Protein backbone atom coordinates (compact mmCIF):
# COMPACT_ATOMS: atom_id res chain seq x y z
CA MET A 1 -27.07 63.70 24.51
CA ALA A 2 -29.55 62.80 22.33
CA ALA A 3 -28.58 61.00 18.83
CA ASP A 4 -28.94 63.60 15.73
CA GLU A 5 -28.54 63.50 12.14
CA THR A 6 -24.69 62.35 11.47
CA THR A 7 -25.27 59.33 14.40
CA PRO A 8 -25.48 56.85 11.38
CA THR A 9 -22.20 58.19 9.31
CA THR A 10 -20.30 58.17 13.08
CA LEU A 11 -20.62 54.89 13.33
CA LEU A 12 -20.36 53.54 9.92
CA GLU A 13 -16.53 55.63 10.31
CA LEU A 14 -16.02 53.52 13.35
CA GLU A 15 -16.74 49.81 11.73
CA ARG A 16 -14.92 51.65 9.40
CA GLN A 17 -11.77 52.16 12.07
CA LEU A 18 -11.88 49.28 13.29
CA LEU A 19 -11.41 46.94 9.58
CA GLU A 20 -8.28 49.31 9.93
CA PRO A 21 -4.69 46.65 10.68
CA ALA A 22 -3.26 50.09 11.23
CA VAL A 23 -6.55 50.63 13.90
CA ARG A 24 -6.09 46.99 14.30
CA ARG A 25 -2.85 46.84 15.73
CA ASP A 26 -3.05 50.42 18.31
CA PRO A 27 -3.61 49.40 21.53
CA GLN A 28 -4.41 52.96 22.85
CA ARG A 29 -7.09 53.41 20.09
CA ILE A 30 -8.74 49.71 19.75
CA GLY A 31 -9.31 50.60 24.10
CA GLN A 32 -10.63 53.80 22.85
CA LEU A 33 -13.13 51.90 20.66
CA LEU A 34 -14.26 48.72 22.52
CA ALA A 35 -15.83 48.59 26.06
CA PRO A 36 -14.50 48.06 28.98
CA ASP A 37 -17.34 45.86 29.31
CA PHE A 38 -16.89 44.63 25.86
CA ILE A 39 -17.68 40.51 24.52
CA GLU A 40 -17.80 39.46 21.10
CA ILE A 41 -19.28 36.15 19.74
CA GLY A 42 -16.97 35.20 16.73
CA ALA A 43 -18.19 32.88 13.80
CA SER A 44 -16.56 29.87 15.55
CA GLY A 45 -19.28 30.12 18.24
CA VAL A 46 -17.01 31.72 20.78
CA ARG A 47 -16.55 33.94 23.33
CA TYR A 48 -14.05 37.05 23.72
CA ASP A 49 -13.54 39.69 25.92
CA ARG A 50 -12.24 42.26 25.19
CA ASP A 51 -8.83 41.96 27.26
CA HIS A 52 -8.51 38.83 24.67
CA VAL A 53 -9.91 40.79 21.44
CA MET A 54 -7.12 43.20 22.43
CA ARG A 55 -4.39 40.62 22.26
CA ALA A 56 -5.65 38.71 19.16
CA LEU A 57 -5.57 41.68 16.87
CA ALA A 58 -2.32 43.15 18.25
CA ASN A 59 -0.96 39.93 16.72
CA GLU A 60 -3.05 39.26 14.00
CA THR A 61 -2.57 39.12 10.44
CA PRO A 62 -3.26 41.59 7.66
CA CYS A 63 -6.40 40.84 5.62
CA GLN A 64 -8.14 43.28 3.68
CA ARG A 65 -11.87 43.59 4.98
CA THR A 66 -14.60 45.45 2.72
CA THR A 67 -17.94 45.75 3.50
CA SER A 68 -21.40 46.04 1.88
CA GLU A 69 -24.93 46.62 3.30
CA ALA A 70 -24.40 48.57 5.88
CA GLN A 71 -27.56 49.70 8.06
CA VAL A 72 -27.61 51.33 11.29
CA GLN A 73 -31.36 51.60 13.34
CA LEU A 74 -30.66 53.76 16.94
CA LEU A 75 -32.39 51.25 19.75
CA ALA A 76 -32.12 54.05 22.02
CA ASP A 77 -30.44 57.50 22.13
CA ASP A 78 -27.62 56.04 23.63
CA VAL A 79 -27.42 53.01 21.70
CA ALA A 80 -27.55 51.38 18.30
CA LEU A 81 -26.81 48.18 15.56
CA VAL A 82 -25.31 48.25 13.22
CA THR A 83 -25.11 45.74 10.29
CA PHE A 84 -23.36 44.86 7.18
CA ARG A 85 -21.64 42.43 5.31
CA GLU A 86 -18.24 41.43 5.77
CA CYS A 87 -15.86 39.52 2.98
CA THR A 88 -12.11 39.02 4.61
CA ARG A 89 -9.57 38.50 1.80
CA ARG A 90 -6.29 36.82 3.18
CA THR A 91 -3.56 39.06 1.88
CA ASP A 92 -1.31 36.20 1.45
CA THR A 93 -3.00 33.13 0.43
CA GLY A 94 -5.68 35.61 -1.80
CA ASP A 95 -8.59 33.39 0.24
CA GLU A 96 -12.67 34.48 1.33
CA ARG A 97 -14.19 34.59 3.57
CA TRP A 98 -17.72 35.81 3.86
CA SER A 99 -19.30 36.90 7.17
CA LEU A 100 -22.78 38.60 8.44
CA ARG A 101 -21.86 41.18 11.74
CA SER A 102 -23.42 42.77 13.68
CA SER A 103 -22.13 45.19 16.77
CA ILE A 104 -24.15 47.32 19.60
CA TRP A 105 -22.67 50.50 20.00
CA LYS A 106 -23.77 52.44 23.46
CA ARG A 107 -22.77 56.25 24.03
CA ARG A 108 -20.80 57.00 27.53
CA ASN A 109 -19.12 60.31 28.75
CA GLY A 110 -20.45 61.31 24.87
CA ASN A 111 -18.00 58.78 23.30
CA TRP A 112 -18.84 55.81 21.66
CA GLN A 113 -17.85 52.21 21.75
CA LEU A 114 -18.07 48.20 21.09
CA LEU A 115 -20.33 46.80 23.47
CA PHE A 116 -21.05 43.74 21.77
CA HIS A 117 -20.06 42.05 18.25
CA GLN A 118 -21.29 39.20 16.40
CA GLY A 119 -19.60 37.27 13.03
CA THR A 120 -21.82 34.95 12.21
CA LEU A 121 -19.93 33.52 8.43
CA ALA A 122 -22.35 33.92 5.04
CA LYS A 123 -22.16 32.57 1.59
CA ARG A 124 -20.94 35.02 -0.83
CA SER A 125 -24.38 36.46 -1.84
CA SER A 126 -26.73 37.98 0.26
CA GLU A 127 -29.01 36.40 -2.68
């Protein structure tokens, strides 16, 4: 199945879902979104596998997350790169952390799954 004009909207919606606290705490939904061979490189430079990320998300302190500057680039009919800026605000302290995010999505059996994600700490503004 070739990518179509709805692919960017679909991928941005999936990224948005991954930021929602209810989705992050739902192992079934996270299991659908993360590919079995998913890896993440965190802002700390540490590499995490799917199982580690799923456990961490289930126990995460809820935060408010907002995104901006989102872009989708198709790398092939079934592979896409999504990039965006994220502000994570802790609900208990109000502390903010800004990051640049990159995700590689792959469509398998008609469904998009997150194959790779990396977060890099960033300044508050892109200027």
